Amino acid sequence: MSAEKLYSEIFDEFEATTSKQEKIAILRKYDHPKFRNFLAMAFNPNCVFDVELPPYRPAPEPAGLNFTYLDMEMSKMYRFIKDHPKRTTDISAEKKKELLTVILESLHADEATLLCALIKKDLDIKFLTAKLVKEAYPDINLED
């Protein structure tokens, strides 16, 4: 997949379907390790973000013309997750906030909103639940 579609576009497609099987099919259609990682961060209760959401200026660029994409940022999200094993040095709260501001202002406005929702652990995507994600990807780790 990798930036063929914005995550926000995938979830728009997901919400436009009516049946559970269609929703699972959408999740499977866009199966990619980074997308799974996004879903795991959203639904794993042990994944706790320790960054304050900063005020930011939404990017004016149209979809597809942004400096970065959520898909590209997923491998760096560990910087904002409490006690993540990849986080070898402690980053100050102010530095994390600055890093997050740069990311949010570089993403398409819809993806920035989605990233904020992820950090708040409240995606607010109708019918997207941990149970459905687990059904789509039985091997996804949503426990630790």
N, C-alpha and C. Protein backbone atom coordinates (compact mmCIF):
# COMPACT_ATOMS: atom_id res chain seq x y z
N MET A 1 0.84 -1.19 0.00
CA MET A 1 0.00 0.00 0.00
C MET A 1 0.88 1.24 0.00
N SER A 2 1.45 1.59 1.11
CA SER A 2 2.37 2.69 1.29
C SER A 2 2.01 3.96 0.51
N ALA A 3 1.17 4.76 1.08
CA ALA A 3 0.79 6.08 0.58
C ALA A 3 0.02 6.09 -0.74
N GLU A 4 -0.47 4.93 -1.19
CA GLU A 4 -1.35 4.94 -2.36
C GLU A 4 -2.64 5.66 -2.01
N LYS A 5 -3.10 5.44 -0.80
CA LYS A 5 -4.30 6.11 -0.29
C LYS A 5 -3.99 6.63 1.10
N LEU A 6 -4.51 7.80 1.40
CA LEU A 6 -4.35 8.32 2.75
C LEU A 6 -5.15 7.45 3.70
N TYR A 7 -4.68 7.32 4.93
CA TYR A 7 -5.44 6.52 5.91
C TYR A 7 -6.84 7.08 6.06
N SER A 8 -6.97 8.40 6.01
CA SER A 8 -8.30 9.01 6.13
C SER A 8 -9.20 8.57 4.97
N GLU A 9 -8.63 8.40 3.79
CA GLU A 9 -9.41 7.93 2.63
C GLU A 9 -9.81 6.46 2.80
N ILE A 10 -8.92 5.67 3.38
CA ILE A 10 -9.24 4.26 3.65
C ILE A 10 -10.43 4.20 4.61
N PHE A 11 -10.38 5.02 5.66
CA PHE A 11 -11.47 5.00 6.64
C PHE A 11 -12.77 5.59 6.08
N ASP A 12 -12.66 6.51 5.15
CA ASP A 12 -13.87 7.00 4.46
C ASP A 12 -14.50 5.86 3.67
N GLU A 13 -13.66 5.10 2.99
CA GLU A 13 -14.14 3.94 2.22
C GLU A 13 -14.76 2.90 3.17
N PHE A 14 -14.11 2.69 4.30
CA PHE A 14 -14.59 1.76 5.33
C PHE A 14 -15.98 2.18 5.80
N GLU A 15 -16.14 3.47 6.12
CA GLU A 15 -17.42 3.96 6.63
C GLU A 15 -18.52 3.96 5.57
N ALA A 16 -18.14 3.99 4.29
CA ALA A 16 -19.13 4.01 3.20
C ALA A 16 -19.74 2.64 2.94
N THR A 17 -19.11 1.58 3.47
CA THR A 17 -19.65 0.24 3.27
C THR A 17 -20.74 -0.03 4.30
N THR A 18 -21.59 -0.99 4.00
CA THR A 18 -22.71 -1.24 4.91
C THR A 18 -22.60 -2.53 5.69
N SER A 19 -21.95 -3.54 5.14
CA SER A 19 -21.91 -4.82 5.85
C SER A 19 -20.58 -5.03 6.56
N LYS A 20 -20.63 -5.87 7.57
CA LYS A 20 -19.44 -6.22 8.34
C LYS A 20 -18.39 -6.84 7.41
N GLN A 21 -18.82 -7.73 6.52
CA GLN A 21 -17.88 -8.39 5.61
C GLN A 21 -17.20 -7.40 4.67
N GLU A 22 -17.94 -6.38 4.22
CA GLU A 22 -17.35 -5.35 3.36
C GLU A 22 -16.31 -4.55 4.14
N LYS A 23 -16.60 -4.27 5.40
CA LYS A 23 -15.67 -3.52 6.24
C LYS A 23 -14.38 -4.31 6.46
N ILE A 24 -14.52 -5.60 6.71
CA ILE A 24 -13.35 -6.47 6.87
C ILE A 24 -12.57 -6.52 5.56
N ALA A 25 -13.29 -6.60 4.45
CA ALA A 25 -12.64 -6.64 3.13
C ALA A 25 -11.83 -5.36 2.87
N ILE A 26 -12.35 -4.21 3.29
CA ILE A 26 -11.62 -2.94 3.14
C ILE A 26 -10.33 -2.98 3.95
N LEU A 27 -10.43 -3.42 5.20
CA LEU A 27 -9.23 -3.50 6.04
C LEU A 27 -8.19 -4.44 5.42
N ARG A 28 -8.64 -5.55 4.90
CA ARG A 28 -7.72 -6.52 4.28
C ARG A 28 -7.15 -6.00 2.96
N LYS A 29 -7.95 -5.26 2.22
CA LYS A 29 -7.52 -4.70 0.94
C LYS A 29 -6.30 -3.79 1.14
N TYR A 30 -6.28 -3.06 2.24
CA TYR A 30 -5.20 -2.11 2.50
C TYR A 30 -4.20 -2.63 3.54
N ASP A 31 -4.17 -3.94 3.68
CA ASP A 31 -3.26 -4.56 4.64
C ASP A 31 -1.81 -4.18 4.33
N HIS A 32 -1.15 -3.66 5.32
CA HIS A 32 0.24 -3.26 5.22
C HIS A 32 0.78 -3.16 6.65
N PRO A 33 2.03 -3.53 6.89
CA PRO A 33 2.54 -3.48 8.27
C PRO A 33 2.34 -2.13 8.97
N LYS A 34 2.53 -1.03 8.25
CA LYS A 34 2.37 0.28 8.90
C LYS A 34 0.90 0.58 9.22
N PHE A 35 0.01 0.15 8.34
CA PHE A 35 -1.42 0.34 8.59
C PHE A 35 -1.85 -0.52 9.78
N ARG A 36 -1.35 -1.75 9.85
CA ARG A 36 -1.64 -2.61 11.00
C ARG A 36 -1.10 -1.98 12.29
N ASN A 37 0.09 -1.38 12.18
CA ASN A 37 0.69 -0.72 13.33
C ASN A 37 -0.20 0.42 13.82
N PHE A 38 -0.75 1.18 12.89
CA PHE A 38 -1.69 2.26 13.24
C PHE A 38 -2.87 1.68 14.02
N LEU A 39 -3.46 0.61 13.50
CA LEU A 39 -4.61 -0.01 14.15
C LEU A 39 -4.24 -0.59 15.52
N ALA A 40 -3.06 -1.19 15.61
CA ALA A 40 -2.62 -1.75 16.89
C ALA A 40 -2.45 -0.63 17.92
N MET A 41 -1.88 0.50 17.49
CA MET A 41 -1.73 1.63 18.42
C MET A 41 -3.08 2.14 18.88
N ALA A 42 -4.05 2.12 17.99
CA ALA A 42 -5.38 2.63 18.31
C ALA A 42 -6.11 1.74 19.30
N PHE A 43 -5.93 0.43 19.17
CA PHE A 43 -6.76 -0.49 19.96
C PHE A 43 -6.03 -1.25 21.06
N ASN A 44 -4.72 -1.15 21.13
CA ASN A 44 -3.99 -1.81 22.21
C ASN A 44 -4.03 -0.91 23.43
N PRO A 45 -4.70 -1.35 24.51
CA PRO A 45 -4.82 -0.49 25.69
C PRO A 45 -3.47 -0.20 26.36
N ASN A 46 -2.46 -1.01 26.09
CA ASN A 46 -1.15 -0.80 26.68
C ASN A 46 -0.31 0.21 25.91
N CYS A 47 -0.79 0.64 24.77
CA CYS A 47 -0.11 1.66 23.99
C CYS A 47 -0.61 3.01 24.48
N VAL A 48 0.25 3.70 25.24
CA VAL A 48 -0.14 4.97 25.85
C VAL A 48 0.75 6.07 25.28
N PHE A 49 0.12 7.06 24.70
CA PHE A 49 0.86 8.20 24.17
C PHE A 49 1.14 9.17 25.30
N ASP A 50 2.37 9.70 25.32
CA ASP A 50 2.74 10.64 26.38
C ASP A 50 3.20 11.97 25.77
N VAL A 51 2.40 12.44 24.84
CA VAL A 51 2.68 13.73 24.22
C VAL A 51 1.42 14.58 24.27
N GLU A 52 1.62 15.84 24.54
CA GLU A 52 0.49 16.76 24.56
C GLU A 52 0.20 17.22 23.13
N LEU A 53 -1.07 17.22 22.76
CA LEU A 53 -1.43 17.68 21.42
C LEU A 53 -1.22 19.18 21.33
N PRO A 54 -0.39 19.61 20.38
CA PRO A 54 -0.11 21.04 20.26
C PRO A 54 -1.12 21.74 19.35
N PRO A 55 -1.22 23.04 19.47
CA PRO A 55 -1.98 23.76 18.46
C PRO A 55 -1.15 23.70 17.17
N TYR A 56 -1.79 23.56 16.04
CA TYR A 56 -1.04 23.51 14.78
C TYR A 56 -1.87 24.12 13.66
N ARG A 57 -1.17 24.47 12.59
CA ARG A 57 -1.81 25.05 11.41
C ARG A 57 -2.02 23.93 10.40
N PRO A 58 -3.26 23.56 10.09
CA PRO A 58 -3.50 22.48 9.12
C PRO A 58 -2.87 22.82 7.76
N ALA A 59 -2.28 21.82 7.15
CA ALA A 59 -1.63 22.01 5.84
C ALA A 59 -2.68 22.35 4.79
N PRO A 60 -2.39 23.33 3.93
CA PRO A 60 -3.35 23.72 2.90
C PRO A 60 -3.29 22.86 1.63
N GLU A 61 -2.25 22.05 1.50
CA GLU A 61 -2.07 21.27 0.27
C GLU A 61 -3.19 20.26 0.08
N PRO A 62 -3.56 20.03 -1.19
CA PRO A 62 -4.58 19.00 -1.46
C PRO A 62 -4.00 17.60 -1.22
N ALA A 63 -4.88 16.65 -1.03
CA ALA A 63 -4.47 15.25 -0.78
C ALA A 63 -3.48 14.80 -1.84
N GLY A 64 -2.42 14.17 -1.38
CA GLY A 64 -1.42 13.63 -2.31
C GLY A 64 -0.25 14.57 -2.55
N LEU A 65 -0.34 15.80 -2.10
CA LEU A 65 0.74 16.76 -2.34
C LEU A 65 1.38 17.25 -1.05
N ASN A 66 1.29 16.46 -0.01
CA ASN A 66 1.83 16.86 1.28
C ASN A 66 3.29 16.49 1.42
N PHE A 67 3.93 17.10 2.42
CA PHE A 67 5.34 16.83 2.67
C PHE A 67 5.55 15.42 3.21
N THR A 68 4.57 14.93 3.95
CA THR A 68 4.66 13.57 4.49
C THR A 68 3.25 12.98 4.58
N TYR A 69 3.21 11.70 4.88
CA TYR A 69 1.94 10.97 4.98
C TYR A 69 1.97 10.17 6.27
N LEU A 70 0.81 9.92 6.81
CA LEU A 70 0.71 9.14 8.03
C LEU A 70 1.44 7.81 7.88
N ASP A 71 1.29 7.21 6.71
CA ASP A 71 1.96 5.94 6.43
C ASP A 71 3.48 6.06 6.64
N MET A 72 4.05 7.19 6.24
CA MET A 72 5.50 7.39 6.36
C MET A 72 5.90 7.69 7.81
N GLU A 73 4.99 8.20 8.59
CA GLU A 73 5.30 8.59 9.97
C GLU A 73 5.12 7.46 10.98
N MET A 74 4.43 6.41 10.60
CA MET A 74 4.12 5.34 11.57
C MET A 74 5.35 4.73 12.22
N SER A 75 6.43 4.56 11.48
CA SER A 75 7.63 3.92 12.06
C SER A 75 8.32 4.83 13.08
N LYS A 76 7.94 6.11 13.13
CA LYS A 76 8.56 7.04 14.08
C LYS A 76 7.66 7.36 15.28
N MET A 77 6.48 6.78 15.30
CA MET A 77 5.53 7.11 16.37
C MET A 77 5.99 6.65 17.75
N TYR A 78 6.94 5.72 17.81
CA TYR A 78 7.43 5.24 19.10
C TYR A 78 7.93 6.40 19.97
N ARG A 79 8.34 7.49 19.34
CA ARG A 79 8.85 8.64 20.10
C ARG A 79 7.80 9.22 21.04
N PHE A 80 6.53 8.95 20.73
CA PHE A 80 5.44 9.53 21.51
C PHE A 80 4.72 8.49 22.39
N ILE A 81 5.27 7.27 22.45
CA ILE A 81 4.62 6.20 23.21
C ILE A 81 5.40 5.94 24.50
N LYS A 82 4.69 6.02 25.60
CA LYS A 82 5.28 5.83 26.92
C LYS A 82 5.93 4.45 27.02
N ASP A 83 7.16 4.42 27.52
CA ASP A 83 7.93 3.19 27.78
C ASP A 83 8.14 2.33 26.53
N HIS A 84 8.14 2.91 25.36
CA HIS A 84 8.38 2.12 24.14
C HIS A 84 9.84 1.67 24.14
N PRO A 85 10.10 0.37 23.82
CA PRO A 85 11.48 -0.14 23.86
C PRO A 85 12.43 0.56 22.88
N LYS A 86 11.93 1.12 21.80
CA LYS A 86 12.80 1.82 20.85
C LYS A 86 13.23 3.20 21.35
N ARG A 87 12.54 3.69 22.33
CA ARG A 87 12.85 5.02 22.86
C ARG A 87 13.98 4.89 23.86
N THR A 88 15.21 5.02 23.37
CA THR A 88 16.39 4.79 24.21
C THR A 88 16.78 6.02 25.01
N THR A 89 16.43 7.20 24.52
CA THR A 89 16.72 8.41 25.28
C THR A 89 15.40 9.10 25.58
N ASP A 90 15.37 9.76 26.71
CA ASP A 90 14.13 10.45 27.06
C ASP A 90 14.08 11.78 26.34
N ILE A 91 12.98 12.02 25.68
CA ILE A 91 12.77 13.27 24.96
C ILE A 91 11.92 14.16 25.85
N SER A 92 12.31 15.40 25.97
CA SER A 92 11.54 16.31 26.82
C SER A 92 10.14 16.50 26.25
N ALA A 93 9.22 16.84 27.12
CA ALA A 93 7.83 17.06 26.71
C ALA A 93 7.76 18.16 25.65
N GLU A 94 8.56 19.19 25.83
CA GLU A 94 8.57 20.30 24.86
C GLU A 94 9.08 19.85 23.50
N LYS A 95 10.13 19.03 23.49
CA LYS A 95 10.70 18.54 22.22
C LYS A 95 9.69 17.63 21.51
N LYS A 96 9.01 16.75 22.27
CA LYS A 96 7.99 15.88 21.67
C LYS A 96 6.88 16.71 21.04
N LYS A 97 6.48 17.75 21.75
CA LYS A 97 5.42 18.63 21.25
C LYS A 97 5.87 19.31 19.95
N GLU A 98 7.13 19.75 19.91
CA GLU A 98 7.68 20.39 18.69
C GLU A 98 7.71 19.39 17.53
N LEU A 99 8.17 18.17 17.79
CA LEU A 99 8.22 17.14 16.75
C LEU A 99 6.82 16.86 16.22
N LEU A 100 5.87 16.73 17.13
CA LEU A 100 4.50 16.45 16.72
C LEU A 100 3.90 17.60 15.92
N THR A 101 4.22 18.82 16.29
CA THR A 101 3.73 19.99 15.55
C THR A 101 4.22 19.94 14.10
N VAL A 102 5.48 19.64 13.90
CA VAL A 102 6.04 19.54 12.55
C VAL A 102 5.31 18.47 11.74
N ILE A 103 5.09 17.32 12.36
CA ILE A 103 4.39 16.23 11.67
C ILE A 103 2.97 16.65 11.31
N LEU A 104 2.24 17.19 12.28
CA LEU A 104 0.85 17.58 12.05
C LEU A 104 0.72 18.63 10.95
N GLU A 105 1.66 19.55 10.89
CA GLU A 105 1.60 20.61 9.89
C GLU A 105 2.09 20.15 8.52
N SER A 106 2.72 18.98 8.47
CA SER A 106 3.22 18.43 7.20
C SER A 106 2.25 17.44 6.58
N LEU A 107 1.33 16.91 7.37
CA LEU A 107 0.34 15.95 6.89
C LEU A 107 -0.82 16.67 6.23
N HIS A 108 -1.56 15.94 5.39
CA HIS A 108 -2.84 16.46 4.89
C HIS A 108 -3.72 16.72 6.11
N ALA A 109 -4.56 17.73 6.05
CA ALA A 109 -5.39 18.11 7.19
C ALA A 109 -6.20 16.94 7.75
N ASP A 110 -6.75 16.08 6.86
CA ASP A 110 -7.53 14.93 7.32
C ASP A 110 -6.66 13.92 8.07
N GLU A 111 -5.43 13.73 7.59
CA GLU A 111 -4.54 12.79 8.28
C GLU A 111 -4.06 13.38 9.60
N ALA A 112 -3.86 14.68 9.67
CA ALA A 112 -3.48 15.32 10.92
C ALA A 112 -4.58 15.12 11.97
N THR A 113 -5.82 15.29 11.53
CA THR A 113 -6.96 15.07 12.43
C THR A 113 -6.98 13.62 12.91
N LEU A 114 -6.72 12.70 12.00
CA LEU A 114 -6.69 11.27 12.33
C LEU A 114 -5.57 10.96 13.31
N LEU A 115 -4.41 11.56 13.11
CA LEU A 115 -3.29 11.34 14.04
C LEU A 115 -3.64 11.87 15.43
N CYS A 116 -4.28 13.01 15.50
CA CYS A 116 -4.71 13.55 16.81
C CYS A 116 -5.70 12.58 17.47
N ALA A 117 -6.60 12.04 16.67
CA ALA A 117 -7.58 11.07 17.20
C ALA A 117 -6.87 9.82 17.71
N LEU A 118 -5.83 9.38 16.99
CA LEU A 118 -5.06 8.21 17.42
C LEU A 118 -4.40 8.49 18.76
N ILE A 119 -3.78 9.64 18.89
CA ILE A 119 -3.10 9.99 20.14
C ILE A 119 -4.08 10.08 21.30
N LYS A 120 -5.30 10.56 21.02
CA LYS A 120 -6.34 10.62 22.05
C LYS A 120 -6.99 9.26 22.28
N LYS A 121 -6.63 8.27 21.43
CA LYS A 121 -7.18 6.91 21.48
C LYS A 121 -8.70 6.94 21.27
N ASP A 122 -9.14 7.78 20.34
CA ASP A 122 -10.55 7.89 20.03
C ASP A 122 -10.71 8.20 18.54
N LEU A 123 -10.62 7.15 17.71
CA LEU A 123 -10.68 7.35 16.26
C LEU A 123 -12.06 7.81 15.80
N ASP A 124 -13.10 7.42 16.53
CA ASP A 124 -14.46 7.81 16.19
C ASP A 124 -14.82 7.45 14.74
N ILE A 125 -14.47 6.21 14.37
CA ILE A 125 -14.81 5.69 13.06
C ILE A 125 -15.89 4.64 13.28
N LYS A 126 -17.05 4.91 12.74
CA LYS A 126 -18.22 4.07 12.97
C LYS A 126 -17.93 2.61 12.62
N PHE A 127 -18.20 1.72 13.55
CA PHE A 127 -18.07 0.27 13.42
C PHE A 127 -16.63 -0.24 13.41
N LEU A 128 -15.64 0.64 13.57
CA LEU A 128 -14.26 0.18 13.66
C LEU A 128 -13.98 -0.10 15.13
N THR A 129 -13.86 -1.38 15.44
CA THR A 129 -13.64 -1.82 16.82
C THR A 129 -12.44 -2.75 16.88
N ALA A 130 -11.93 -2.97 18.08
CA ALA A 130 -10.83 -3.91 18.26
C ALA A 130 -11.25 -5.30 17.79
N LYS A 131 -12.49 -5.68 18.07
CA LYS A 131 -12.99 -6.99 17.67
C LYS A 131 -12.99 -7.14 16.15
N LEU A 132 -13.42 -6.12 15.44
CA LEU A 132 -13.44 -6.17 13.98
C LEU A 132 -12.02 -6.20 13.41
N VAL A 133 -11.13 -5.42 13.99
CA VAL A 133 -9.73 -5.40 13.55
C VAL A 133 -9.12 -6.79 13.74
N LYS A 134 -9.42 -7.40 14.89
CA LYS A 134 -8.90 -8.74 15.19
C LYS A 134 -9.47 -9.77 14.21
N GLU A 135 -10.71 -9.57 13.80
CA GLU A 135 -11.32 -10.48 12.83
C GLU A 135 -10.66 -10.32 11.45
N ALA A 136 -10.35 -9.10 11.10
CA ALA A 136 -9.69 -8.84 9.81
C ALA A 136 -8.25 -9.35 9.81
N TYR A 137 -7.57 -9.16 10.94
CA TYR A 137 -6.16 -9.56 11.08
C TYR A 137 -6.02 -10.41 12.35
N PRO A 138 -6.30 -11.71 12.27
CA PRO A 138 -6.28 -12.55 13.48
C PRO A 138 -4.94 -12.53 14.23
N ASP A 139 -3.83 -12.26 13.54
CA ASP A 139 -2.53 -12.31 14.18
C ASP A 139 -2.07 -10.94 14.72
N ILE A 140 -2.92 -9.92 14.62
CA ILE A 140 -2.52 -8.59 15.12
C ILE A 140 -2.48 -8.63 16.65
N ASN A 141 -1.50 -7.94 17.21
CA ASN A 141 -1.32 -7.94 18.67
C ASN A 141 -2.01 -6.71 19.26
N LEU A 142 -3.10 -6.95 19.95
CA LEU A 142 -3.82 -5.84 20.58
C LEU A 142 -3.77 -5.94 22.10
N GLU A 143 -2.87 -6.78 22.62
CA GLU A 143 -2.82 -6.97 24.07
C GLU A 143 -1.61 -6.38 24.76
N ASP A 144 -0.47 -6.29 24.11
CA ASP A 144 0.69 -5.75 24.86
C ASP A 144 1.52 -4.79 24.08
